[in-house]
């Protein structure tokens, strides 16, 4: 990615790649590389996970069978940082109700590439 890596299109594509990794049991590998050393993921169940925990455990999580990302917005947060906020709907085989939440992914440029510094999920009703 180039110096324009914090554009709406680039970050939305990166989010799609992350969700696609989660459909293949590769989320730990994907996010382990994408997250900064001190990055955190804050999940809807109240868990706060660091990069090492994500890298070590997320590949073993149940895979999503489908997902959609909607209403995405880019929020510039500095000269070399930005957040992408969107609504995600995801389903797993065998589960009756989809997972629906608002997501916020904050990125900073490191060596010209976006790195995930903070990710948070907030539950919403369908």
Protein backbone atom coordinates (compact mmCIF):
# COMPACT_ATOMS: atom_id res chain seq x y z
CA UNK A 1 0.00 0.00 0.00
CA UNK A 2 1.08 3.56 -0.62
CA UNK A 3 0.93 6.81 1.30
CA UNK A 4 -2.76 6.87 0.33
CA UNK A 5 -3.36 3.73 2.39
CA UNK A 6 -5.71 5.53 4.78
CA UNK A 7 -8.34 6.28 2.16
CA UNK A 8 -11.91 5.08 2.51
CA UNK A 9 -11.52 2.50 -0.27
CA UNK A 10 -8.20 1.15 1.02
CA UNK A 11 -9.41 0.73 4.61
CA UNK A 12 -12.74 -0.77 3.58
CA UNK A 13 -10.86 -3.28 1.40
CA UNK A 14 -8.61 -4.10 4.36
CA UNK A 15 -11.66 -4.67 6.60
CA UNK A 16 -13.12 -7.00 3.96
CA UNK A 17 -9.85 -8.94 3.86
CA UNK A 18 -10.00 -9.32 7.65
CA UNK A 19 -13.57 -10.61 7.60
CA UNK A 20 -12.69 -12.97 4.75
CA UNK A 21 -9.83 -14.33 6.89
CA UNK A 22 -12.39 -14.95 9.64
CA UNK A 23 -14.40 -17.14 7.24
CA UNK A 24 -11.32 -19.36 6.71
CA UNK A 25 -10.06 -19.74 10.31
CA UNK A 26 -7.19 -17.39 9.46
CA UNK A 27 -8.19 -14.39 11.60
CA UNK A 28 -5.38 -14.88 14.11
CA UNK A 29 -2.76 -14.95 11.39
CA UNK A 30 -4.25 -11.96 9.56
CA UNK A 31 -4.75 -9.73 12.61
CA UNK A 32 -1.52 -10.87 14.24
CA UNK A 33 0.31 -9.27 11.32
CA UNK A 34 -1.98 -6.25 10.97
CA UNK A 35 -2.09 -5.12 14.62
CA UNK A 36 0.56 -2.97 16.28
CA UNK A 37 2.39 -4.51 19.24
CA UNK A 38 0.23 -2.57 21.72
CA UNK A 39 -3.08 -2.77 19.80
CA UNK A 40 -6.28 -3.94 21.44
CA UNK A 41 -9.57 -5.47 20.33
CA UNK A 42 -12.60 -4.69 22.49
CA UNK A 43 -15.40 -7.18 21.84
CA UNK A 44 -19.14 -6.95 22.49
CA UNK A 45 -18.88 -9.51 25.30
CA UNK A 46 -16.59 -7.17 27.25
CA UNK A 47 -13.34 -8.95 26.47
CA UNK A 48 -10.26 -6.84 25.77
CA UNK A 49 -7.68 -8.77 23.79
CA UNK A 50 -4.13 -7.82 22.87
CA UNK A 51 -2.31 -8.73 19.66
CA UNK A 52 -0.56 -11.78 21.11
CA UNK A 53 -3.86 -13.23 22.35
CA UNK A 54 -5.57 -12.55 19.03
CA UNK A 55 -2.71 -14.13 17.08
CA UNK A 56 -2.68 -17.20 19.36
CA UNK A 57 -6.42 -17.86 19.54
CA UNK A 58 -8.46 -16.34 16.72
CA UNK A 59 -7.66 -19.06 14.17
CA UNK A 60 -9.45 -21.51 16.48
CA UNK A 61 -12.66 -19.44 16.73
CA UNK A 62 -15.74 -20.63 14.86
CA UNK A 63 -15.63 -19.33 11.29
CA UNK A 64 -18.20 -16.92 9.91
CA UNK A 65 -20.08 -18.38 6.94
CA UNK A 66 -21.15 -14.99 5.57
CA UNK A 67 -20.81 -11.29 6.35
CA UNK A 68 -21.76 -7.87 5.04
CA UNK A 69 -20.32 -4.47 5.85
CA UNK A 70 -22.62 -1.45 5.49
CA UNK A 71 -22.79 2.28 6.14
CA UNK A 72 -19.02 2.63 6.31
CA UNK A 73 -17.53 6.02 7.13
CA UNK A 74 -13.96 7.24 7.26
CA UNK A 75 -12.96 9.38 10.24
CA UNK A 76 -9.57 11.11 9.87
CA UNK A 77 -7.87 11.21 13.28
CA UNK A 78 -4.50 12.74 12.45
CA UNK A 79 -1.89 13.22 9.77
CA UNK A 80 -1.10 9.50 9.57
CA UNK A 81 -4.14 7.89 11.20
CA UNK A 82 -7.81 7.27 10.53
CA UNK A 83 -10.71 5.17 11.71
CA UNK A 84 -13.24 3.25 9.69
CA UNK A 85 -16.66 2.89 11.29
CA UNK A 86 -19.28 0.52 9.85
CA UNK A 87 -22.13 -1.85 10.61
CA UNK A 88 -21.33 -5.55 10.24
CA UNK A 89 -23.79 -8.40 9.96
CA UNK A 90 -22.30 -11.88 10.09
CA UNK A 91 -23.69 -15.40 10.30
CA UNK A 92 -22.34 -18.76 11.33
CA UNK A 93 -23.69 -22.09 10.16
CA UNK A 94 -26.05 -23.56 12.74
CA UNK A 95 -26.84 -20.26 14.47
CA UNK A 96 -30.35 -18.86 14.18
CA UNK A 97 -29.59 -15.17 14.62
CA UNK A 98 -26.89 -13.16 12.86
CA UNK A 99 -24.30 -11.16 14.75
CA UNK A 100 -24.95 -7.45 14.20
CA UNK A 101 -22.67 -4.75 15.58
CA UNK A 102 -21.10 -1.40 14.88
CA UNK A 103 -17.37 -1.66 14.33
CA UNK A 104 -14.66 0.91 14.74
CA UNK A 105 -11.19 0.12 13.41
CA UNK A 106 -8.45 2.66 14.02
CA UNK A 107 -5.35 2.58 11.85
CA UNK A 108 -2.04 4.39 11.79
CA UNK A 109 0.55 4.36 9.04
CA UNK A 110 3.76 2.55 9.93
CA UNK A 111 6.33 2.32 7.17
CA UNK A 112 3.71 3.49 4.67
CA UNK A 113 1.31 0.67 5.55
CA UNK A 114 -1.81 0.77 7.73
CA UNK A 115 -1.52 -0.97 11.09
CA UNK A 116 -4.52 -1.64 13.32
CA UNK A 117 -4.17 0.14 16.67
CA UNK A 118 -7.66 -0.24 18.17
CA UNK A 119 -10.78 -2.19 17.23
CA UNK A 120 -14.11 -1.99 19.07
CA UNK A 121 -17.47 -3.67 18.61
CA UNK A 122 -20.77 -2.26 19.86
CA UNK A 123 -23.89 -4.41 19.71
CA UNK A 124 -26.97 -3.10 17.97
CA UNK A 125 -30.45 -4.51 17.67
CA UNK A 126 -31.50 -5.68 14.24
